[in-house]
C-alpha atoms as a PDB file:
ATOM      1  CA  UNK A   1     160.545 122.743 149.887  1.00  0.00           C
ATOM      2  CA  UNK A   2     163.003 125.284 151.307  1.00  0.00           C
ATOM      3  CA  UNK A   3     162.309 128.999 150.907  1.00  0.00           C
ATOM      4  CA  UNK A   4     165.281 129.489 148.553  1.00  0.00           C
ATOM      5  CA  UNK A   5     164.112 126.592 146.372  1.00  0.00           C
ATOM      6  CA  UNK A   6     160.602 128.018 146.257  1.00  0.00           C
ATOM      7  CA  UNK A   7     161.942 131.455 145.272  1.00  0.00           C
ATOM      8  CA  UNK A   8     164.087 129.907 142.534  1.00  0.00           C
ATOM      9  CA  UNK A   9     161.022 128.060 141.221  1.00  0.00           C
ATOM     10  CA  UNK A  10     158.957 131.272 141.167  1.00  0.00           C
ATOM     11  CA  UNK A  11     161.822 133.139 139.468  1.00  0.00           C
ATOM     12  CA  UNK A  12     161.847 130.590 136.640  1.00  0.00           C
ATOM     13  CA  UNK A  13     158.111 131.051 136.104  1.00  0.00           C
ATOM     14  CA  UNK A  14     158.378 134.857 136.279  1.00  0.00           C
ATOM     15  CA  UNK A  15     161.183 134.908 133.694  1.00  0.00           C
ATOM     16  CA  UNK A  16     159.258 132.572 131.392  1.00  0.00           C
ATOM     17  CA  UNK A  17     156.124 134.715 131.804  1.00  0.00           C
ATOM     18  CA  UNK A  18     158.042 137.904 130.969  1.00  0.00           C
ATOM     19  CA  UNK A  19     159.705 136.231 127.959  1.00  0.00           C
ATOM     20  CA  UNK A  20     156.274 135.109 126.753  1.00  0.00           C
ATOM     21  CA  UNK A  21     155.078 138.746 126.898  1.00  0.00           C
ATOM     22  CA  UNK A  22     158.200 140.013 125.127  1.00  0.00           C
ATOM     23  CA  UNK A  23     157.903 137.420 122.361  1.00  0.00           C
ATOM     24  CA  UNK A  24     154.184 138.189 122.010  1.00  0.00           C
ATOM     25  CA  UNK A  25     155.085 141.835 121.387  1.00  0.00           C
ATOM     26  CA  UNK A  26     157.707 140.796 118.827  1.00  0.00           C
ATOM     27  CA  UNK A  27     160.440 142.615 120.736  1.00  0.00           C
ATOM     28  CA  UNK A  28     163.898 141.869 122.066  1.00  0.00           C
ATOM     29  CA  UNK A  29     165.290 143.027 125.408  1.00  0.00           C
ATOM     30  CA  UNK A  30     168.723 142.977 126.984  1.00  0.00           C
ATOM     31  CA  UNK A  31     169.308 141.136 130.245  1.00  0.00           C
ATOM     32  CA  UNK A  32     169.533 144.521 131.958  1.00  0.00           C
ATOM     33  CA  UNK A  33     166.165 145.625 130.541  1.00  0.00           C
ATOM     34  CA  UNK A  34     164.663 142.317 131.655  1.00  0.00           C
ATOM     35  CA  UNK A  35     166.050 142.910 135.153  1.00  0.00           C
ATOM     36  CA  UNK A  36     164.287 146.289 135.388  1.00  0.00           C
ATOM     37  CA  UNK A  37     161.021 144.816 134.096  1.00  0.00           C
ATOM     38  CA  UNK A  38     161.202 141.995 136.638  1.00  0.00           C
ATOM     39  CA  UNK A  39     162.280 144.338 139.444  1.00  0.00           C
ATOM     40  CA  UNK A  40     159.216 146.463 138.727  1.00  0.00           C
ATOM     41  CA  UNK A  41     156.913 143.442 138.408  1.00  0.00           C
ATOM     42  CA  UNK A  42     158.300 141.183 141.162  1.00  0.00           C
ATOM     43  CA  UNK A  43     160.760 143.009 143.462  1.00  0.00           C
ATOM     44  CA  UNK A  44     160.430 140.280 146.103  1.00  0.00           C
ATOM     45  CA  UNK A  45     162.084 137.767 143.757  1.00  0.00           C
ATOM     46  CA  UNK A  46     164.490 139.885 141.714  1.00  0.00           C
ATOM     47  CA  UNK A  47     166.480 142.187 143.955  1.00  0.00           C
ATOM     48  CA  UNK A  48     169.673 142.029 141.877  1.00  0.00           C
ATOM     49  CA  UNK A  49     170.898 141.421 138.337  1.00  0.00           C
ATOM     50  CA  UNK A  50     172.551 138.177 139.457  1.00  0.00           C
ATOM     51  CA  UNK A  51     169.140 136.625 140.207  1.00  0.00           C
ATOM     52  CA  UNK A  52     167.958 137.431 136.678  1.00  0.00           C
ATOM     53  CA  UNK A  53     171.150 136.180 135.025  1.00  0.00           C
ATOM     54  CA  UNK A  54     171.073 132.885 136.933  1.00  0.00           C
ATOM     55  CA  UNK A  55     167.372 132.380 136.259  1.00  0.00           C
ATOM     56  CA  UNK A  56     167.844 133.028 132.538  1.00  0.00           C
ATOM     57  CA  UNK A  57     170.531 130.330 132.530  1.00  0.00           C
ATOM     58  CA  UNK A  58     168.137 127.986 134.355  1.00  0.00           C
ATOM     59  CA  UNK A  59     165.354 128.633 131.817  1.00  0.00           C
ATOM     60  CA  UNK A  60     167.727 128.180 128.865  1.00  0.00           C
ATOM     61  CA  UNK A  61     168.879 124.846 130.325  1.00  0.00           C
ATOM     62  CA  UNK A  62     165.361 123.747 131.185  1.00  0.00           C
ATOM     63  CA  UNK A  63     163.933 124.537 127.743  1.00  0.00           C
ATOM     64  CA  UNK A  64     167.124 123.632 125.844  1.00  0.00           C
ATOM     65  CA  UNK A  65     166.954 126.856 123.862  1.00  0.00           C
ATOM     66  CA  UNK A  66     168.960 130.034 123.366  1.00  0.00           C
ATOM     67  CA  UNK A  67     168.516 133.371 125.086  1.00  0.00           C
ATOM     68  CA  UNK A  68     167.795 134.852 121.681  1.00  0.00           C
ATOM     69  CA  UNK A  69     164.855 132.468 121.203  1.00  0.00           C
ATOM     70  CA  UNK A  70     163.444 133.771 124.503  1.00  0.00           C
ATOM     71  CA  UNK A  71     163.585 137.350 123.217  1.00  0.00           C
ATOM     72  CA  UNK A  72     166.686 138.195 125.225  1.00  0.00           C
ATOM     73  CA  UNK A  73     169.554 139.668 123.270  1.00  0.00           C
ATOM     74  CA  UNK A  74     173.079 140.060 124.416  1.00  0.00           C
ATOM     75  CA  UNK A  75     174.024 143.586 125.282  1.00  0.00           C
ATOM     76  CA  UNK A  76     177.177 144.312 123.410  1.00  0.00           C
ATOM     77  CA  UNK A  77     180.117 146.465 124.302  1.00  0.00           C
ATOM     78  CA  UNK A  78     182.071 145.345 121.271  1.00  0.00           C
ATOM     79  CA  UNK A  79     183.310 147.310 118.299  1.00  0.00           C
ATOM     80  CA  UNK A  80     185.229 146.636 115.118  1.00  0.00           C
ATOM     81  CA  UNK A  81     187.047 148.670 112.516  1.00  0.00           C
ATOM     82  CA  UNK A  82     189.340 148.079 109.574  1.00  0.00           C
ATOM     83  CA  UNK A  83     189.331 146.271 106.256  1.00  0.00           C
ATOM     84  CA  UNK A  84     185.824 144.873 106.516  1.00  0.00           C
ATOM     85  CA  UNK A  85     182.537 145.591 104.767  1.00  0.00           C
ATOM     86  CA  UNK A  86     179.298 144.499 106.424  1.00  0.00           C
ATOM     87  CA  UNK A  87     176.394 143.781 104.079  1.00  0.00           C
ATOM     88  CA  UNK A  88     172.965 143.334 105.601  1.00  0.00           C
ATOM     89  CA  UNK A  89     170.259 142.128 103.201  1.00  0.00           C
ATOM     90  CA  UNK A  90     168.216 145.052 101.849  1.00  0.00           C
ATOM     91  CA  UNK A  91     170.304 147.588 103.797  1.00  0.00           C
ATOM     92  CA  UNK A  92     173.201 149.827 102.900  1.00  0.00           C
ATOM     93  CA  UNK A  93     176.633 148.349 103.467  1.00  0.00           C
ATOM     94  CA  UNK A  94     178.977 149.541 106.196  1.00  0.00           C
ATOM     95  CA  UNK A  95     182.598 150.065 105.223  1.00  0.00           C
ATOM     96  CA  UNK A  96     184.472 149.697 108.506  1.00  0.00           C
ATOM     97  CA  UNK A  97     187.622 151.292 107.052  1.00  0.00           C
ATOM     98  CA  UNK A  98     186.105 154.779 106.890  1.00  0.00           C
ATOM     99  CA  UNK A  99     184.739 155.017 110.431  1.00  0.00           C
ATOM    100  CA  UNK A 100     185.944 157.164 113.324  1.00  0.00           C
ATOM    101  CA  UNK A 101     188.234 155.831 116.065  1.00  0.00           C
ATOM    102  CA  UNK A 102     185.408 154.253 118.069  1.00  0.00           C
ATOM    103  CA  UNK A 103     184.661 151.936 115.126  1.00  0.00           C
ATOM    104  CA  UNK A 104     181.371 150.183 114.401  1.00  0.00           C
ATOM    105  CA  UNK A 105     179.362 149.193 117.479  1.00  0.00           C
ATOM    106  CA  UNK A 106     178.468 145.504 117.363  1.00  0.00           C
ATOM    107  CA  UNK A 107     174.755 144.948 117.832  1.00  0.00           C
ATOM    108  CA  UNK A 108     173.552 142.570 120.504  1.00  0.00           C
ATOM    109  CA  UNK A 109     171.003 141.071 118.079  1.00  0.00           C
ATOM    110  CA  UNK A 110     172.538 137.711 117.160  1.00  0.00           C
ATOM    111  CA  UNK A 111     169.941 137.163 114.407  1.00  0.00           C
ATOM    112  CA  UNK A 112     171.048 140.377 112.740  1.00  0.00           C
ATOM    113  CA  UNK A 113     174.703 139.383 113.105  1.00  0.00           C
ATOM    114  CA  UNK A 114     174.013 135.982 111.555  1.00  0.00           C
ATOM    115  CA  UNK A 115     172.383 137.615 108.490  1.00  0.00           C
ATOM    116  CA  UNK A 116     175.410 139.790 107.737  1.00  0.00           C
ATOM    117  CA  UNK A 117     177.465 139.076 104.654  1.00  0.00           C
ATOM    118  CA  UNK A 118     181.092 139.863 105.351  1.00  0.00           C
ATOM    119  CA  UNK A 119     183.736 140.842 102.823  1.00  0.00           C
ATOM    120  CA  UNK A 120     187.336 141.778 103.474  1.00  0.00           C
ATOM    121  CA  UNK A 121     190.754 142.137 101.891  1.00  0.00           C
ATOM    122  CA  UNK A 122     192.434 142.008 105.316  1.00  0.00           C
ATOM    123  CA  UNK A 123     195.325 139.666 105.928  1.00  0.00           C
ATOM    124  CA  UNK A 124     194.989 139.592 109.728  1.00  0.00           C
ATOM    125  CA  UNK A 125     192.333 139.742 112.415  1.00  0.00           C
ATOM    126  CA  UNK A 126     193.524 141.416 115.605  1.00  0.00           C
ATOM    127  CA  UNK A 127     191.550 141.055 118.833  1.00  0.00           C
ATOM    128  CA  UNK A 128     192.325 143.982 121.147  1.00  0.00           C
ATOM    129  CA  UNK A 129     191.484 143.528 124.826  1.00  0.00           C
ATOM    130  CA  UNK A 130     191.518 147.167 125.946  1.00  0.00           C
ATOM    131  CA  UNK A 131     189.278 149.799 124.401  1.00  0.00           C
ATOM    132  CA  UNK A 132     191.880 152.556 124.850  1.00  0.00           C
ATOM    133  CA  UNK A 133     194.396 150.568 122.775  1.00  0.00           C
ATOM    134  CA  UNK A 134     191.707 149.752 120.194  1.00  0.00           C
ATOM    135  CA  UNK A 135     190.845 153.447 119.829  1.00  0.00           C
ATOM    136  CA  UNK A 136     194.506 154.420 119.535  1.00  0.00           C
ATOM    137  CA  UNK A 137     195.130 151.820 116.803  1.00  0.00           C
ATOM    138  CA  UNK A 138     191.925 152.921 115.054  1.00  0.00           C
ATOM    139  CA  UNK A 139     192.919 156.584 115.354  1.00  0.00           C
ATOM    140  CA  UNK A 140     196.301 155.753 113.803  1.00  0.00           C
ATOM    141  CA  UNK A 141     194.452 153.753 111.120  1.00  0.00           C
ATOM    142  CA  UNK A 142     196.734 150.755 111.668  1.00  0.00           C
ATOM    143  CA  UNK A 143     194.544 148.765 109.276  1.00  0.00           C
ATOM    144  CA  UNK A 144     195.802 150.913 106.367  1.00  0.00           C
ATOM    145  CA  UNK A 145     199.450 150.116 107.167  1.00  0.00           C
ATOM    146  CA  UNK A 146     198.800 146.476 108.084  1.00  0.00           C
ATOM    147  CA  UNK A 147     195.719 145.195 106.232  1.00  0.00           C
ATOM    148  CA  UNK A 148     193.690 143.967 109.180  1.00  0.00           C
ATOM    149  CA  UNK A 149     190.412 143.980 111.041  1.00  0.00           C
ATOM    150  CA  UNK A 150     190.513 145.203 114.643  1.00  0.00           C
ATOM    151  CA  UNK A 151     187.896 143.962 117.099  1.00  0.00           C
ATOM    152  CA  UNK A 152     187.422 144.673 120.805  1.00  0.00           C
ATOM    153  CA  UNK A 153     184.996 143.693 123.536  1.00  0.00           C
ATOM    154  CA  UNK A 154     186.368 146.456 125.785  1.00  0.00           C
ATOM    155  CA  UNK A 155     187.541 144.025 128.427  1.00  0.00           C
ATOM    156  CA  UNK A 156     185.559 140.875 129.159  1.00  0.00           C
ATOM    157  CA  UNK A 157     184.106 139.568 125.854  1.00  0.00           C
ATOM    158  CA  UNK A 158     180.321 139.626 125.565  1.00  0.00           C
ATOM    159  CA  UNK A 159     178.305 137.070 123.589  1.00  0.00           C
ATOM    160  CA  UNK A 160     177.713 139.293 120.556  1.00  0.00           C
ATOM    161  CA  UNK A 161     181.412 140.125 120.163  1.00  0.00           C
ATOM    162  CA  UNK A 162     182.353 136.456 120.528  1.00  0.00           C
ATOM    163  CA  UNK A 163     179.658 135.591 117.981  1.00  0.00           C
ATOM    164  CA  UNK A 164     180.936 138.033 115.330  1.00  0.00           C
ATOM    165  CA  UNK A 165     184.522 136.917 116.013  1.00  0.00           C
ATOM    166  CA  UNK A 166     183.419 133.336 115.369  1.00  0.00           C
ATOM    167  CA  UNK A 167     181.629 134.440 112.177  1.00  0.00           C
ATOM    168  CA  UNK A 168     184.786 136.203 110.992  1.00  0.00           C
ATOM    169  CA  UNK A 169     186.916 133.130 111.691  1.00  0.00           C
ATOM    170  CA  UNK A 170     184.449 130.916 109.788  1.00  0.00           C
ATOM    171  CA  UNK A 171     184.071 133.323 106.864  1.00  0.00           C
ATOM    172  CA  UNK A 172     187.826 133.869 106.533  1.00  0.00           C
ATOM    173  CA  UNK A 173     189.318 130.544 107.686  1.00  0.00           C
ATOM    174  CA  UNK A 174     192.802 131.319 106.355  1.00  0.00           C
ATOM    175  CA  UNK A 175     193.053 134.688 108.099  1.00  0.00           C
ATOM    176  CA  UNK A 176     195.396 134.466 111.116  1.00  0.00           C
ATOM    177  CA  UNK A 177     193.958 135.765 114.385  1.00  0.00           C
ATOM    178  CA  UNK A 178     196.211 137.641 116.796  1.00  0.00           C
ATOM    179  CA  UNK A 179     195.394 139.093 120.205  1.00  0.00           C
ATOM    180  CA  UNK A 180     196.729 142.180 121.969  1.00  0.00           C
ATOM    181  CA  UNK A 181     196.247 141.608 125.690  1.00  0.00           C
ATOM    182  CA  UNK A 182     197.968 142.662 128.872  1.00  0.00           C
END
């Protein structure tokens, strides 16, 4: 066995061991948090975030499971604002039309996102690539002039933002989706 293969094998076991601990504590961690835990625990094997990311993918493929089921949540950069009300069971609702220009931060907890009940009177869903444009449209309250929901991932879309976008498209199948990109 080559040294790189042996290291990859150990990385898989270290990630599974850390996930076992995390799940035993009933917690969730982001990939970045997992990197710091592994860097502290096994610096010889995890010198960069890329090693952790690749090993997580290997474990997910090996076990045929999701990152969420391993206790790893997506870190989210995404936000949304506009004609949308988020209802979480046994929680207060969030009216996304009365928020400030930075909108509602999308959680990285996919389980929480899947439990949300969504209601809207919007006619359009607009995906905005750049955060600066998103904030400007939110500041101008575009969604009051054009009944819409604005969503951004602030550049490259993360898993949580893609997940909520998919939920919106499934919940409101007749709502056209437009994108503002450069």
